[in-house]
């Protein structure tokens, strides 16, 4: 039998992909953790969420903005990127294929990280400034802590972690101070969840628990449950509520996380709105997306108006006094006659009704209200305009002290609603003990 050249190329590509995936699964042959953990801190200035991993040889602590819908990890290599284990991805290798690269070329200002000949590239996006540039597909050591779900444990290493190396420091514009890139958690093959799962052969899922405090860490756990928070509060698969993760047919289906909101209720009363906006249409518009880059929840104008008016009405029924709006919020209230509860200010609950009336994401005062000063608190939704790409973007404040489990293998989202109701919070993960 003779191989046709195209058959040989296909066989070679398949073999290279197999050998690459086999090599990263050999990352820790003597110790194979069931899960990994990274800390997440809220930046006070930008309200972005920042994590830290160790990268390079010798290891360097690298601060990265969390991008839930990001395709991969990218780092600015323009200044002081020195590593004996850095490798550019050569054209037509499995790394380029896994990264979804469609371009190969030369760089005549090198060789150095981010600029090498015969390498493949990908498009890098900073969604905060809506700017893109090209980056070189690369590999280097990445090191993080393992966990048993209770506390942080021994450090483990992925020796050939694929990321993108850029030489454009302007791409860091409007990102939190001290960061050198972004950590993508999307559904692509080289985002952090997929690479960690491949390296250590655990389930392709991760749990994200963001802290609202700028002084206490939240946590992201890659791998298996249960998840334990002080004082011995266990969140497991059995205690979460689940809803399918949806695919936008126009956008990259391996990136963003959409869920199916069917209706919205306030104090159990349904909000009258155009429900067609809640579905993703054939042009990829509409629907509900979860984002770590939007600090507050963004609603299409008519949805924003309906939700705001309903919330004001239900608040008035509780004798909560409305006051002048404080930008960017449309509905603000005096805090003088708003009581306190375990789950935040005593205001009407907002309920996102998902695939059925029995599957509800309940938003309590801790996630629906923002204190703008000691005397005024505002409903944490902002107007996204009358023709946005996505009708509802659930922002960071709504996610804080909620544990969200993104299961990529089964394409479903597990959510806890507010952990404050269980007498714990995301800042209560124990990073100090050895697992």
Protein backbone atom coordinates (compact mmCIF):
# COMPACT_ATOMS: atom_id res chain seq x y z
CA UNK A 1 0.00 0.00 0.00
CA UNK A 2 1.28 3.45 -0.86
CA UNK A 3 0.44 6.63 1.01
CA UNK A 4 -0.90 9.55 -0.98
CA UNK A 5 0.89 12.77 0.18
CA UNK A 6 -2.32 14.15 1.69
CA UNK A 7 -2.86 10.88 3.53
CA UNK A 8 0.65 11.02 4.88
CA UNK A 9 0.18 14.58 6.07
CA UNK A 10 -3.09 13.67 7.79
CA UNK A 11 -1.48 10.66 9.46
CA UNK A 12 1.49 12.78 10.57
CA UNK A 13 -0.80 15.45 12.05
CA UNK A 14 -2.84 12.85 13.94
CA UNK A 15 0.30 11.21 15.27
CA UNK A 16 1.77 14.53 16.37
CA UNK A 17 -1.45 15.44 18.17
CA UNK A 18 -1.49 12.07 19.95
CA UNK A 19 2.16 12.36 20.98
CA UNK A 20 1.63 15.90 22.26
CA UNK A 21 -1.42 15.02 24.33
CA UNK A 22 0.40 11.94 25.65
CA UNK A 23 3.37 14.08 26.65
CA UNK A 24 1.33 16.55 28.69
CA UNK A 25 -0.49 13.75 30.47
CA UNK A 26 2.92 12.66 31.71
CA UNK A 27 3.37 15.96 33.55
CA UNK A 28 3.38 14.42 37.05
CA UNK A 29 3.85 10.65 36.82
CA UNK A 30 4.63 10.27 40.53
CA UNK A 31 1.70 12.36 41.77
CA UNK A 32 -1.57 12.85 39.97
CA UNK A 33 -3.85 15.34 41.74
CA UNK A 34 -7.62 15.15 41.52
CA UNK A 35 -7.90 18.92 41.36
CA UNK A 36 -5.89 22.14 41.15
CA UNK A 37 -6.52 25.47 42.83
CA UNK A 38 -5.62 29.09 42.10
CA UNK A 39 -6.48 32.19 44.18
CA UNK A 40 -8.56 35.03 42.74
CA UNK A 41 -8.50 38.58 44.09
CA UNK A 42 -10.79 41.46 43.12
CA UNK A 43 -8.86 44.52 41.94
CA UNK A 44 -10.19 47.60 43.72
CA UNK A 45 -9.51 50.00 40.85
CA UNK A 46 -10.83 48.08 37.83
CA UNK A 47 -13.17 45.59 39.61
CA UNK A 48 -11.49 42.88 37.53
CA UNK A 49 -10.64 39.47 38.99
CA UNK A 50 -6.96 38.56 39.04
CA UNK A 51 -5.30 35.20 39.54
CA UNK A 52 -1.66 34.19 39.92
CA UNK A 53 0.20 31.23 38.42
CA UNK A 54 3.91 30.47 38.26
CA UNK A 55 5.40 30.29 34.77
CA UNK A 56 8.85 29.86 33.13
CA UNK A 57 12.18 28.42 34.29
CA UNK A 58 13.15 29.69 36.77
CA UNK A 59 9.55 30.16 37.92
CA UNK A 60 8.13 33.69 37.89
CA UNK A 61 4.88 34.67 39.59
CA UNK A 62 2.53 35.83 36.83
CA UNK A 63 -0.60 37.89 37.50
CA UNK A 64 -3.43 37.45 35.00
CA UNK A 65 -6.91 38.92 34.61
CA UNK A 66 -9.54 36.16 34.62
CA UNK A 67 -11.47 36.05 31.33
CA UNK A 68 -14.22 33.47 31.69
CA UNK A 69 -14.89 33.53 27.95
CA UNK A 70 -11.24 33.63 26.89
CA UNK A 71 -9.79 31.07 24.47
CA UNK A 72 -6.39 30.66 26.14
CA UNK A 73 -3.73 32.19 28.36
CA UNK A 74 -1.83 35.09 26.81
CA UNK A 75 1.14 36.95 28.24
CA UNK A 76 3.02 40.08 27.26
CA UNK A 77 6.55 38.86 26.46
CA UNK A 78 7.89 42.26 25.41
CA UNK A 79 9.82 42.99 28.59
CA UNK A 80 11.94 40.65 30.66
CA UNK A 81 10.48 37.34 29.52
CA UNK A 82 13.41 35.03 30.27
CA UNK A 83 12.98 31.27 30.46
CA UNK A 84 15.17 28.31 29.61
CA UNK A 85 12.08 26.18 28.89
CA UNK A 86 10.29 28.55 26.49
CA UNK A 87 9.48 26.96 23.13
CA UNK A 88 7.78 28.60 20.15
CA UNK A 89 5.28 26.40 18.32
CA UNK A 90 6.65 25.60 14.88
CA UNK A 91 4.37 25.69 11.86
CA UNK A 92 2.18 22.64 11.19
CA UNK A 93 2.74 21.09 14.62
CA UNK A 94 0.05 19.72 16.90
CA UNK A 95 0.36 22.78 19.15
CA UNK A 96 -0.70 25.01 16.25
CA UNK A 97 -3.60 22.70 15.51
CA UNK A 98 -4.78 22.64 19.12
CA UNK A 99 -4.57 26.44 19.25
CA UNK A 100 -6.71 26.74 16.14
CA UNK A 101 -3.96 28.63 14.35
CA UNK A 102 -4.45 29.34 10.66
CA UNK A 103 -1.32 31.41 10.06
CA UNK A 104 2.39 30.71 9.95
CA UNK A 105 5.25 33.08 9.32
CA UNK A 106 8.63 34.49 10.17
CA UNK A 107 9.74 37.23 12.56
CA UNK A 108 12.91 39.09 11.67
CA UNK A 109 13.43 40.92 14.97
CA UNK A 110 14.32 37.76 16.90
CA UNK A 111 14.83 35.14 17.92
CA UNK A 112 13.23 35.84 21.28
CA UNK A 113 9.96 34.95 23.03
CA UNK A 114 7.17 36.22 20.83
CA UNK A 115 9.34 36.62 17.73
CA UNK A 116 10.68 33.49 16.01
CA UNK A 117 10.84 32.17 12.47
CA UNK A 118 8.63 29.34 11.20
CA UNK A 119 6.05 29.76 13.97
CA UNK A 120 2.26 29.87 14.04
CA UNK A 121 0.15 32.68 15.37
CA UNK A 122 -3.28 33.39 16.81
CA UNK A 123 -5.38 36.51 17.26
CA UNK A 124 -5.25 37.97 20.78
CA UNK A 125 -8.17 39.99 22.13
CA UNK A 126 -8.34 42.37 25.06
CA UNK A 127 -12.14 42.67 25.41
CA UNK A 128 -11.83 45.50 27.95
CA UNK A 129 -10.56 47.85 25.23
CA UNK A 130 -11.98 45.77 22.36
CA UNK A 131 -8.58 45.58 20.68
CA UNK A 132 -6.91 42.63 18.97
CA UNK A 133 -3.37 41.83 17.90
CA UNK A 134 -1.36 38.84 16.76
CA UNK A 135 0.50 36.53 19.12
CA UNK A 136 2.92 33.65 18.78
CA UNK A 137 1.73 30.21 19.90
CA UNK A 138 4.24 29.06 22.51
CA UNK A 139 4.92 26.58 25.29
CA UNK A 140 6.44 26.94 28.72
CA UNK A 141 6.31 25.54 32.23
CA UNK A 142 3.24 26.43 34.31
CA UNK A 143 3.08 25.56 37.99
CA UNK A 144 0.05 25.68 40.34
CA UNK A 145 -1.06 24.14 43.62
CA UNK A 146 -3.04 20.94 43.89
CA UNK A 147 -5.98 20.54 46.25
CA UNK A 148 -8.12 17.85 47.83
CA UNK A 149 -11.02 20.31 47.86
CA UNK A 150 -10.33 21.38 51.45
CA UNK A 151 -7.09 23.30 51.22
CA UNK A 152 -4.15 24.08 48.98
CA UNK A 153 -1.60 21.28 48.66
CA UNK A 154 1.64 20.47 46.91
CA UNK A 155 2.72 22.28 43.80
CA UNK A 156 2.42 20.47 40.46
CA UNK A 157 3.83 21.38 37.07
CA UNK A 158 2.72 21.21 33.46
CA UNK A 159 6.03 21.33 31.55
CA UNK A 160 4.59 22.19 28.12
CA UNK A 161 1.64 24.48 28.71
CA UNK A 162 0.42 26.15 25.49
CA UNK A 163 -0.14 29.89 25.62
CA UNK A 164 0.24 32.91 23.37
CA UNK A 165 3.21 35.25 23.63
CA UNK A 166 2.67 38.85 22.47
CA UNK A 167 5.04 41.78 22.01
CA UNK A 168 2.50 44.57 22.34
CA UNK A 169 2.45 46.05 25.83
CA UNK A 170 -0.39 48.36 24.82
CA UNK A 171 -2.63 45.28 24.99
CA UNK A 172 -2.40 45.58 28.79
CA UNK A 173 -4.23 48.91 28.66
CA UNK A 174 -7.11 49.20 31.16
CA UNK A 175 -6.20 45.89 32.79
CA UNK A 176 -5.50 45.73 36.51
CA UNK A 177 -2.15 47.11 37.64
CA UNK A 178 0.62 44.52 37.80
CA UNK A 179 -0.93 41.98 35.42
CA UNK A 180 0.93 40.77 32.34
CA UNK A 181 -1.89 39.06 30.47
CA UNK A 182 -5.21 37.25 30.68
CA UNK A 183 -6.18 33.73 31.74
CA UNK A 184 -8.82 32.29 29.41
CA UNK A 185 -11.30 29.81 30.95
CA UNK A 186 -13.39 29.22 27.83
CA UNK A 187 -14.30 25.95 26.16
CA UNK A 188 -11.37 25.85 23.74
CA UNK A 189 -8.83 23.02 23.71
CA UNK A 190 -6.01 25.17 25.12
CA UNK A 191 -7.92 27.20 27.71
CA UNK A 192 -6.83 26.51 31.28
CA UNK A 193 -9.60 24.01 32.15
CA UNK A 194 -8.89 21.73 29.16
CA UNK A 195 -5.10 21.81 29.45
CA UNK A 196 -5.12 21.08 33.18
CA UNK A 197 -7.61 18.24 32.68
CA UNK A 198 -5.45 16.75 29.93
CA UNK A 199 -2.26 17.07 31.96
CA UNK A 200 -3.59 15.28 35.03
CA UNK A 201 -6.43 13.14 33.65
CA UNK A 202 -9.21 14.59 35.76
CA UNK A 203 -12.69 15.68 34.72
CA UNK A 204 -12.93 18.62 32.35
CA UNK A 205 -14.70 20.97 34.71
CA UNK A 206 -13.93 23.81 37.07
CA UNK A 207 -15.60 25.66 39.93
CA UNK A 208 -15.35 29.44 40.24
CA UNK A 209 -16.09 31.20 43.51
CA UNK A 210 -15.42 34.95 43.38
CA UNK A 211 -14.99 37.06 46.50
CA UNK A 212 -16.50 40.52 46.66
CA UNK A 213 -13.68 41.63 48.94
CA UNK A 214 -10.60 43.34 47.55
CA UNK A 215 -8.56 42.00 50.47
CA UNK A 216 -9.65 38.34 50.63
CA UNK A 217 -9.09 35.71 47.96
CA UNK A 218 -11.77 33.89 46.07
CA UNK A 219 -10.89 30.63 44.36
CA UNK A 220 -11.01 28.64 41.14
CA UNK A 221 -10.77 24.86 41.45
CA UNK A 222 -10.01 22.82 38.32
CA UNK A 223 -11.14 19.22 38.57
CA UNK A 224 -13.34 17.24 40.87
CA UNK A 225 -15.61 18.14 43.79
CA UNK A 226 -16.32 18.31 46.70
CA UNK A 227 -15.43 21.90 47.56
CA UNK A 228 -15.01 22.70 51.24
CA UNK A 229 -15.19 26.14 52.82
CA UNK A 230 -14.64 27.16 56.41
CA UNK A 231 -16.26 26.34 58.79
CA UNK A 232 -16.52 22.86 57.21
CA UNK A 233 -19.24 23.75 54.70
CA UNK A 234 -19.23 21.25 51.81
CA UNK A 235 -20.49 22.14 48.34
CA UNK A 236 -20.71 19.09 46.09
CA UNK A 237 -22.33 17.98 42.84
CA UNK A 238 -25.33 16.81 44.87
CA UNK A 239 -25.95 20.24 46.41
CA UNK A 240 -25.84 22.30 43.19
CA UNK A 241 -28.66 23.20 40.83
CA UNK A 242 -27.95 22.54 37.14
CA UNK A 243 -28.82 24.17 33.86
CA UNK A 244 -27.51 23.44 30.34
CA UNK A 245 -24.70 25.51 28.87
CA UNK A 246 -25.86 26.77 25.50
CA UNK A 247 -23.91 27.40 22.28
CA UNK A 248 -24.15 30.59 20.29
CA UNK A 249 -24.39 29.35 16.68
CA UNK A 250 -22.55 32.36 15.29
CA UNK A 251 -19.86 33.06 17.88
CA UNK A 252 -17.06 30.58 18.54
CA UNK A 253 -18.93 27.69 20.21
CA UNK A 254 -15.86 26.75 22.25
CA UNK A 255 -15.54 30.01 24.10
CA UNK A 256 -18.36 31.89 25.82
CA UNK A 257 -20.76 30.47 28.42
CA UNK A 258 -24.47 31.05 27.70
CA UNK A 259 -27.43 29.86 29.75
CA UNK A 260 -31.15 29.78 28.91
CA UNK A 261 -33.12 32.31 30.97
CA UNK A 262 -36.85 31.79 30.22
CA UNK A 263 -38.29 34.53 32.43
CA UNK A 264 -37.45 36.92 35.27
CA UNK A 265 -39.39 37.26 38.50
CA UNK A 266 -39.15 39.83 41.29
CA UNK A 267 -40.66 38.77 44.61
CA UNK A 268 -42.13 35.80 42.72
CA UNK A 269 -44.01 38.14 40.34
CA UNK A 270 -43.14 37.69 36.69
CA UNK A 271 -41.63 40.70 34.92
CA UNK A 272 -43.39 41.59 31.66
CA UNK A 273 -40.78 41.75 28.92
CA UNK A 274 -40.12 40.74 25.32
CA UNK A 275 -39.20 37.08 25.87
CA UNK A 276 -37.90 36.73 22.30
CA UNK A 277 -34.85 38.69 23.48
CA UNK A 278 -34.05 35.87 25.91
CA UNK A 279 -33.29 33.43 23.07
CA UNK A 280 -30.22 33.45 20.81
CA UNK A 281 -31.42 34.07 17.26
CA UNK A 282 -29.95 32.80 13.98
CA UNK A 283 -27.65 35.83 13.81
CA UNK A 284 -26.16 35.07 17.22
CA UNK A 285 -27.93 37.94 18.98
CA UNK A 286 -29.84 37.79 22.25
CA UNK A 287 -29.60 35.27 25.06
CA UNK A 288 -27.82 35.36 28.42
CA UNK A 289 -24.07 35.20 28.91
CA UNK A 290 -21.92 34.98 32.04
CA UNK A 291 -18.95 37.36 32.17
CA UNK A 292 -16.13 38.08 34.61
CA UNK A 293 -15.12 41.24 32.72
CA UNK A 294 -18.36 43.17 33.22
CA UNK A 295 -18.42 44.34 36.85
CA UNK A 296 -22.23 44.63 36.85
CA UNK A 297 -25.08 42.90 35.05
CA UNK A 298 -25.89 44.51 31.69
CA UNK A 299 -29.45 44.40 30.32
CA UNK A 300 -30.89 45.33 26.93
CA UNK A 301 -32.77 48.63 27.26
CA UNK A 302 -36.33 47.28 27.32
CA UNK A 303 -35.36 44.48 29.75
CA UNK A 304 -33.53 47.02 31.91
CA UNK A 305 -36.62 49.26 32.00
CA UNK A 306 -38.96 46.41 32.85
CA UNK A 307 -36.74 44.97 35.59
CA UNK A 308 -35.99 48.38 37.10
CA UNK A 309 -39.63 49.45 37.20
CA UNK A 310 -40.73 46.15 38.72
CA UNK A 311 -37.99 46.32 41.35
CA UNK A 312 -38.93 49.91 42.25
CA UNK A 313 -42.59 48.90 42.63
CA UNK A 314 -41.79 45.91 44.85
CA UNK A 315 -39.38 48.03 46.93
CA UNK A 316 -42.02 50.74 47.43
CA UNK A 317 -44.33 48.05 48.81
CA UNK A 318 -41.70 47.50 51.48
CA UNK A 319 -41.49 51.24 52.22
CA UNK A 320 -37.98 51.42 50.76
CA UNK A 321 -37.40 55.03 49.73
CA UNK A 322 -36.14 55.77 46.24
CA UNK A 323 -33.52 58.51 45.86
CA UNK A 324 -31.74 60.18 42.93
CA UNK A 325 -29.93 57.82 40.57
CA UNK A 326 -26.15 57.48 40.77
CA UNK A 327 -24.47 56.63 37.46
CA UNK A 328 -24.23 54.05 36.01
CA UNK A 329 -27.22 52.75 38.00
CA UNK A 330 -30.83 53.71 37.28
CA UNK A 331 -32.57 52.74 40.51
CA UNK A 332 -31.12 53.88 43.85
CA UNK A 333 -32.57 53.85 47.35
CA UNK A 334 -31.99 55.24 50.80
CA UNK A 335 -30.31 52.72 53.07
CA UNK A 336 -32.02 54.18 56.15
CA UNK A 337 -34.99 51.84 56.03
CA UNK A 338 -33.35 48.82 54.40
CA UNK A 339 -32.72 46.05 56.88
CA UNK A 340 -29.83 43.57 56.85
CA UNK A 341 -30.07 39.83 56.42
CA UNK A 342 -27.62 36.96 56.21
CA UNK A 343 -27.82 37.23 52.39
CA UNK A 344 -27.41 40.99 52.18
CA UNK A 345 -29.75 44.01 52.22
CA UNK A 346 -33.43 43.14 52.80
CA UNK A 347 -34.69 43.95 49.33
CA UNK A 348 -36.92 42.06 46.89
CA UNK A 349 -35.38 38.88 45.49
CA UNK A 350 -34.75 38.61 41.75
CA UNK A 351 -35.22 35.17 40.22
CA UNK A 352 -33.87 33.99 36.90
CA UNK A 353 -36.15 31.17 35.81
CA UNK A 354 -34.16 28.72 33.69
CA UNK A 355 -35.26 25.59 31.81
CA UNK A 356 -38.30 25.08 34.07
CA UNK A 357 -40.17 26.81 36.89
CA UNK A 358 -38.36 24.59 39.37
CA UNK A 359 -34.86 25.62 38.21
CA UNK A 360 -34.27 29.13 39.53
CA UNK A 361 -31.15 31.21 40.13
CA UNK A 362 -32.13 33.37 43.10
CA UNK A 363 -30.38 36.74 43.38
CA UNK A 364 -30.48 38.11 46.92
CA UNK A 365 -29.54 41.57 48.15
CA UNK A 366 -25.85 40.75 48.44
CA UNK A 367 -25.69 40.25 44.67
CA UNK A 368 -28.41 42.65 43.48
CA UNK A 369 -27.42 45.79 45.40
CA UNK A 370 -24.35 48.01 45.44
CA UNK A 371 -23.60 50.53 48.20
CA UNK A 372 -22.43 53.75 46.52
CA UNK A 373 -22.01 55.40 49.92
CA UNK A 374 -23.19 54.82 53.50
CA UNK A 375 -26.63 56.24 52.80
CA UNK A 376 -27.40 55.07 49.27
CA UNK A 377 -27.56 51.65 47.65
CA UNK A 378 -28.43 50.94 44.02
CA UNK A 379 -29.78 48.06 41.96
CA UNK A 380 -26.71 46.61 40.26
CA UNK A 381 -28.00 46.50 36.68
CA UNK A 382 -26.93 48.86 33.90
CA UNK A 383 -28.50 49.75 30.57
CA UNK A 384 -26.76 47.96 27.68
CA UNK A 385 -28.54 49.82 24.88
CA UNK A 386 -31.36 48.89 22.53
CA UNK A 387 -29.38 46.71 20.14
CA UNK A 388 -26.70 44.81 22.07
CA UNK A 389 -25.06 41.60 20.92
CA UNK A 390 -26.27 39.80 24.05
CA UNK A 391 -29.53 40.71 25.83
CA UNK A 392 -28.36 39.82 29.36
CA UNK A 393 -24.73 39.74 30.49
CA UNK A 394 -24.46 38.49 34.06
CA UNK A 395 -21.58 40.46 35.56
CA UNK A 396 -19.10 39.86 38.32
CA UNK A 397 -21.02 41.40 41.23
CA UNK A 398 -23.93 39.01 40.66
CA UNK A 399 -21.47 36.06 40.74
CA UNK A 400 -19.70 36.92 43.99
CA UNK A 401 -20.11 34.44 46.86
CA UNK A 402 -21.89 32.07 44.48
CA UNK A 403 -20.11 28.85 43.54
CA UNK A 404 -20.44 28.15 39.82
CA UNK A 405 -19.34 24.81 38.40
CA UNK A 406 -18.68 24.75 34.65
CA UNK A 407 -18.76 21.16 33.43
CA UNK A 408 -17.33 21.18 29.92
CA UNK A 409 -17.73 17.44 29.37
CA UNK A 410 -21.49 17.47 29.98
CA UNK A 411 -22.02 21.09 28.91
CA UNK A 412 -23.87 22.14 32.03
CA UNK A 413 -23.59 24.82 34.71
CA UNK A 414 -24.03 24.00 38.38
CA UNK A 415 -24.78 26.90 40.70
CA UNK A 416 -25.22 27.28 44.43
CA UNK A 417 -26.97 30.66 44.65
CA UNK A 418 -25.54 32.75 47.51
CA UNK A 419 -23.22 30.84 49.84
CA UNK A 420 -24.02 33.45 52.51
CA UNK A 421 -27.23 31.53 53.10
CA UNK A 422 -25.09 28.51 54.01
CA UNK A 423 -23.08 30.61 56.47
CA UNK A 424 -19.93 30.69 54.40
CA UNK A 425 -18.44 32.69 51.54
CA UNK A 426 -15.94 32.32 48.71
CA UNK A 427 -13.17 33.92 50.81
CA UNK A 428 -13.43 30.98 53.21
CA UNK A 429 -11.45 28.52 51.14
CA UNK A 430 -8.42 27.48 53.18
CA UNK A 431 -5.23 28.42 51.34
CA UNK A 432 -3.03 28.12 54.43
CA UNK A 433 -3.05 24.40 55.25
CA UNK A 434 -1.35 21.60 53.36
CA UNK A 435 -3.75 19.21 51.67
